[in-house]
Amino acid sequence: MPTIYLVSAAPGDRVPGHELADPDCPSAHFPGLLERQDVTAWLNAIPYNDDSPDELVYLVTEDDPGTIPAGFDTLMLEI
């Protein structure tokens, strides 16, 4: 079962992975990801929505090089 991470960041932060709004983001490889109750609750809590343009969320998979920096709000998911 693969493990992925969603990482909350601000513009200019250095985080591995792909921002969810990026057309190249591999979120399509995880059908239903953004509809999961745990994911939607986390996105609402940080908050990630149209009213928070300075909030970015990165999808980090096992294929993404690098380490998630300490101090970033992160949601770990087993898919």
N, C-alpha and C. Protein backbone atom coordinates (compact mmCIF):
# COMPACT_ATOMS: atom_id res chain seq x y z
N MET A 1 0.84 -1.17 0.00
CA MET A 1 0.00 0.00 0.00
C MET A 1 0.90 1.24 0.00
N PRO A 2 0.83 2.06 -1.05
CA PRO A 2 1.70 3.24 -1.10
C PRO A 2 1.28 4.31 -0.09
N THR A 3 2.26 5.06 0.36
CA THR A 3 2.03 6.18 1.26
C THR A 3 2.29 7.47 0.49
N ILE A 4 1.37 8.40 0.60
CA ILE A 4 1.55 9.72 0.01
C ILE A 4 1.36 10.75 1.12
N TYR A 5 1.78 11.97 0.82
CA TYR A 5 1.67 13.06 1.79
C TYR A 5 1.08 14.28 1.11
N LEU A 6 0.26 15.01 1.83
CA LEU A 6 -0.17 16.34 1.43
C LEU A 6 0.52 17.30 2.39
N VAL A 7 1.15 18.32 1.82
CA VAL A 7 1.95 19.25 2.61
C VAL A 7 1.46 20.67 2.36
N SER A 8 1.12 21.37 3.44
CA SER A 8 0.70 22.76 3.36
C SER A 8 1.94 23.65 3.33
N ALA A 9 1.94 24.61 2.39
CA ALA A 9 3.10 25.51 2.25
C ALA A 9 2.63 26.86 1.75
N ALA A 10 3.53 27.81 1.79
CA ALA A 10 3.27 29.15 1.26
C ALA A 10 4.07 29.34 -0.02
N PRO A 11 3.66 30.29 -0.87
CA PRO A 11 4.45 30.55 -2.06
C PRO A 11 5.91 30.84 -1.69
N GLY A 12 6.82 30.25 -2.43
CA GLY A 12 8.25 30.43 -2.19
C GLY A 12 8.86 29.37 -1.30
N ASP A 13 8.03 28.61 -0.57
CA ASP A 13 8.57 27.52 0.24
C ASP A 13 9.11 26.43 -0.66
N ARG A 14 10.14 25.74 -0.20
CA ARG A 14 10.74 24.63 -0.95
C ARG A 14 10.22 23.32 -0.37
N VAL A 15 9.34 22.67 -1.14
CA VAL A 15 8.75 21.41 -0.74
C VAL A 15 8.82 20.48 -1.94
N PRO A 16 9.18 19.20 -1.74
CA PRO A 16 9.18 18.28 -2.88
C PRO A 16 7.74 18.02 -3.33
N GLY A 17 7.59 17.48 -4.51
CA GLY A 17 6.26 17.12 -4.99
C GLY A 17 5.69 18.12 -5.96
N HIS A 18 4.37 18.05 -6.13
CA HIS A 18 3.65 18.90 -7.08
C HIS A 18 2.51 19.61 -6.36
N GLU A 19 2.35 20.89 -6.62
CA GLU A 19 1.23 21.64 -6.06
C GLU A 19 -0.06 21.09 -6.67
N LEU A 20 -1.10 20.95 -5.86
CA LEU A 20 -2.35 20.34 -6.33
C LEU A 20 -2.93 21.05 -7.55
N ALA A 21 -2.76 22.37 -7.65
CA ALA A 21 -3.31 23.12 -8.77
C ALA A 21 -2.47 22.99 -10.04
N ASP A 22 -1.29 22.41 -9.94
CA ASP A 22 -0.41 22.23 -11.09
C ASP A 22 -0.99 21.16 -12.02
N PRO A 23 -1.14 21.46 -13.30
CA PRO A 23 -1.69 20.46 -14.24
C PRO A 23 -0.86 19.18 -14.30
N ASP A 24 0.42 19.25 -13.94
CA ASP A 24 1.27 18.06 -13.95
C ASP A 24 1.21 17.27 -12.64
N CYS A 25 0.39 17.72 -11.70
CA CYS A 25 0.28 17.03 -10.41
C CYS A 25 -0.29 15.63 -10.63
N PRO A 26 0.33 14.61 -10.05
CA PRO A 26 -0.13 13.24 -10.28
C PRO A 26 -1.36 12.85 -9.44
N SER A 27 -2.13 13.82 -8.97
CA SER A 27 -3.30 13.49 -8.14
C SER A 27 -4.30 12.63 -8.90
N ALA A 28 -4.32 12.71 -10.22
CA ALA A 28 -5.23 11.88 -11.02
C ALA A 28 -4.91 10.39 -10.87
N HIS A 29 -3.70 10.06 -10.42
CA HIS A 29 -3.33 8.67 -10.20
C HIS A 29 -3.95 8.12 -8.92
N PHE A 30 -4.60 8.98 -8.16
CA PHE A 30 -5.21 8.59 -6.89
C PHE A 30 -6.68 8.99 -6.92
N PRO A 31 -7.51 8.26 -7.69
CA PRO A 31 -8.92 8.64 -7.84
C PRO A 31 -9.62 8.78 -6.48
N GLY A 32 -10.41 9.82 -6.36
CA GLY A 32 -11.17 10.06 -5.14
C GLY A 32 -10.37 10.69 -4.01
N LEU A 33 -9.10 10.97 -4.25
CA LEU A 33 -8.24 11.52 -3.19
C LEU A 33 -8.84 12.77 -2.57
N LEU A 34 -9.22 13.72 -3.40
CA LEU A 34 -9.68 15.01 -2.90
C LEU A 34 -11.10 14.96 -2.36
N GLU A 35 -11.77 13.83 -2.50
CA GLU A 35 -13.12 13.66 -1.96
C GLU A 35 -13.12 12.88 -0.65
N ARG A 36 -11.97 12.35 -0.25
CA ARG A 36 -11.90 11.60 1.00
C ARG A 36 -12.22 12.52 2.17
N GLN A 37 -12.97 12.01 3.14
CA GLN A 37 -13.38 12.82 4.27
C GLN A 37 -12.19 13.34 5.07
N ASP A 38 -11.16 12.51 5.27
CA ASP A 38 -10.00 12.97 6.03
C ASP A 38 -9.24 14.06 5.28
N VAL A 39 -9.20 13.96 3.95
CA VAL A 39 -8.52 14.96 3.13
C VAL A 39 -9.30 16.27 3.13
N THR A 40 -10.61 16.20 2.89
CA THR A 40 -11.39 17.44 2.86
C THR A 40 -11.39 18.14 4.22
N ALA A 41 -11.42 17.37 5.30
CA ALA A 41 -11.36 17.97 6.64
C ALA A 41 -10.03 18.68 6.84
N TRP A 42 -8.93 18.05 6.42
CA TRP A 42 -7.61 18.65 6.57
C TRP A 42 -7.49 19.91 5.71
N LEU A 43 -7.95 19.85 4.45
CA LEU A 43 -7.89 21.01 3.56
C LEU A 43 -8.70 22.17 4.13
N ASN A 44 -9.85 21.89 4.71
CA ASN A 44 -10.67 22.95 5.31
C ASN A 44 -10.01 23.53 6.55
N ALA A 45 -9.29 22.71 7.29
CA ALA A 45 -8.66 23.16 8.53
C ALA A 45 -7.47 24.07 8.31
N ILE A 46 -6.74 23.90 7.16
CA ILE A 46 -5.50 24.68 7.02
C ILE A 46 -5.69 26.13 6.58
N PRO A 47 -6.58 26.76 6.04
CA PRO A 47 -7.56 26.35 5.05
C PRO A 47 -6.98 26.48 3.63
N TYR A 48 -7.41 25.59 2.77
CA TYR A 48 -7.00 25.60 1.36
C TYR A 48 -8.26 25.80 0.55
N ASN A 49 -8.49 27.06 0.11
CA ASN A 49 -9.68 27.37 -0.68
C ASN A 49 -9.44 28.68 -1.43
N ASP A 50 -10.46 29.11 -2.16
CA ASP A 50 -10.32 30.33 -2.97
C ASP A 50 -10.10 31.58 -2.13
N ASP A 51 -10.48 31.53 -0.85
CA ASP A 51 -10.29 32.68 0.03
C ASP A 51 -8.88 32.75 0.61
N SER A 52 -8.07 31.74 0.33
CA SER A 52 -6.70 31.69 0.87
C SER A 52 -5.69 31.49 -0.27
N PRO A 53 -5.51 32.50 -1.12
CA PRO A 53 -4.65 32.32 -2.29
C PRO A 53 -3.17 32.09 -1.95
N ASP A 54 -2.76 32.42 -0.73
CA ASP A 54 -1.35 32.22 -0.36
C ASP A 54 -1.10 30.85 0.27
N GLU A 55 -2.11 29.99 0.29
CA GLU A 55 -1.96 28.65 0.84
C GLU A 55 -1.83 27.66 -0.32
N LEU A 56 -0.73 26.94 -0.34
CA LEU A 56 -0.49 25.92 -1.36
C LEU A 56 -0.46 24.56 -0.69
N VAL A 57 -0.87 23.53 -1.43
CA VAL A 57 -0.79 22.17 -0.93
C VAL A 57 -0.05 21.34 -1.96
N TYR A 58 0.97 20.64 -1.50
CA TYR A 58 1.79 19.80 -2.35
C TYR A 58 1.46 18.34 -2.12
N LEU A 59 1.40 17.58 -3.21
CA LEU A 59 1.26 16.13 -3.16
C LEU A 59 2.65 15.54 -3.29
N VAL A 60 3.06 14.79 -2.29
CA VAL A 60 4.38 14.17 -2.29
C VAL A 60 4.19 12.66 -2.34
N THR A 61 4.75 12.03 -3.36
CA THR A 61 4.64 10.58 -3.51
C THR A 61 6.01 9.94 -3.29
N GLU A 62 6.03 8.62 -3.33
CA GLU A 62 7.29 7.90 -3.18
C GLU A 62 8.26 8.21 -4.31
N ASP A 63 7.74 8.72 -5.44
CA ASP A 63 8.58 9.04 -6.59
C ASP A 63 9.21 10.42 -6.49
N ASP A 64 8.79 11.23 -5.53
CA ASP A 64 9.30 12.59 -5.40
C ASP A 64 10.59 12.60 -4.60
N PRO A 65 11.67 13.12 -5.21
CA PRO A 65 12.93 13.17 -4.47
C PRO A 65 12.88 14.25 -3.39
N GLY A 66 13.63 14.07 -2.37
CA GLY A 66 13.71 15.09 -1.33
C GLY A 66 12.94 14.67 -0.10
N THR A 67 13.08 15.48 0.90
CA THR A 67 12.47 15.22 2.19
C THR A 67 11.54 16.38 2.52
N ILE A 68 10.43 16.07 3.14
CA ILE A 68 9.52 17.13 3.57
C ILE A 68 10.18 17.87 4.72
N PRO A 69 10.36 19.17 4.57
CA PRO A 69 11.01 19.93 5.65
C PRO A 69 10.20 19.91 6.94
N ALA A 70 10.87 19.97 8.06
CA ALA A 70 10.20 20.02 9.37
C ALA A 70 9.39 21.30 9.48
N GLY A 71 8.32 21.23 10.22
CA GLY A 71 7.53 22.42 10.50
C GLY A 71 6.38 22.67 9.56
N PHE A 72 6.21 21.85 8.54
CA PHE A 72 5.11 22.02 7.60
C PHE A 72 3.95 21.13 8.01
N ASP A 73 2.73 21.69 7.97
CA ASP A 73 1.54 20.91 8.29
C ASP A 73 1.41 19.83 7.20
N THR A 74 1.38 18.56 7.62
CA THR A 74 1.43 17.44 6.69
C THR A 74 0.37 16.41 7.04
N LEU A 75 -0.26 15.87 6.00
CA LEU A 75 -1.22 14.78 6.16
C LEU A 75 -0.65 13.55 5.45
N MET A 76 -0.43 12.47 6.20
CA MET A 76 0.07 11.23 5.61
C MET A 76 -1.12 10.33 5.31
N LEU A 77 -1.11 9.74 4.10
CA LEU A 77 -2.21 8.89 3.67
C LEU A 77 -1.67 7.58 3.10
N GLU A 78 -2.29 6.49 3.48
CA GLU A 78 -1.99 5.21 2.84
C GLU A 78 -3.08 4.99 1.80
N ILE A 79 -2.67 4.80 0.58
CA ILE A 79 -3.61 4.68 -0.54
C ILE A 79 -3.72 3.22 -0.96
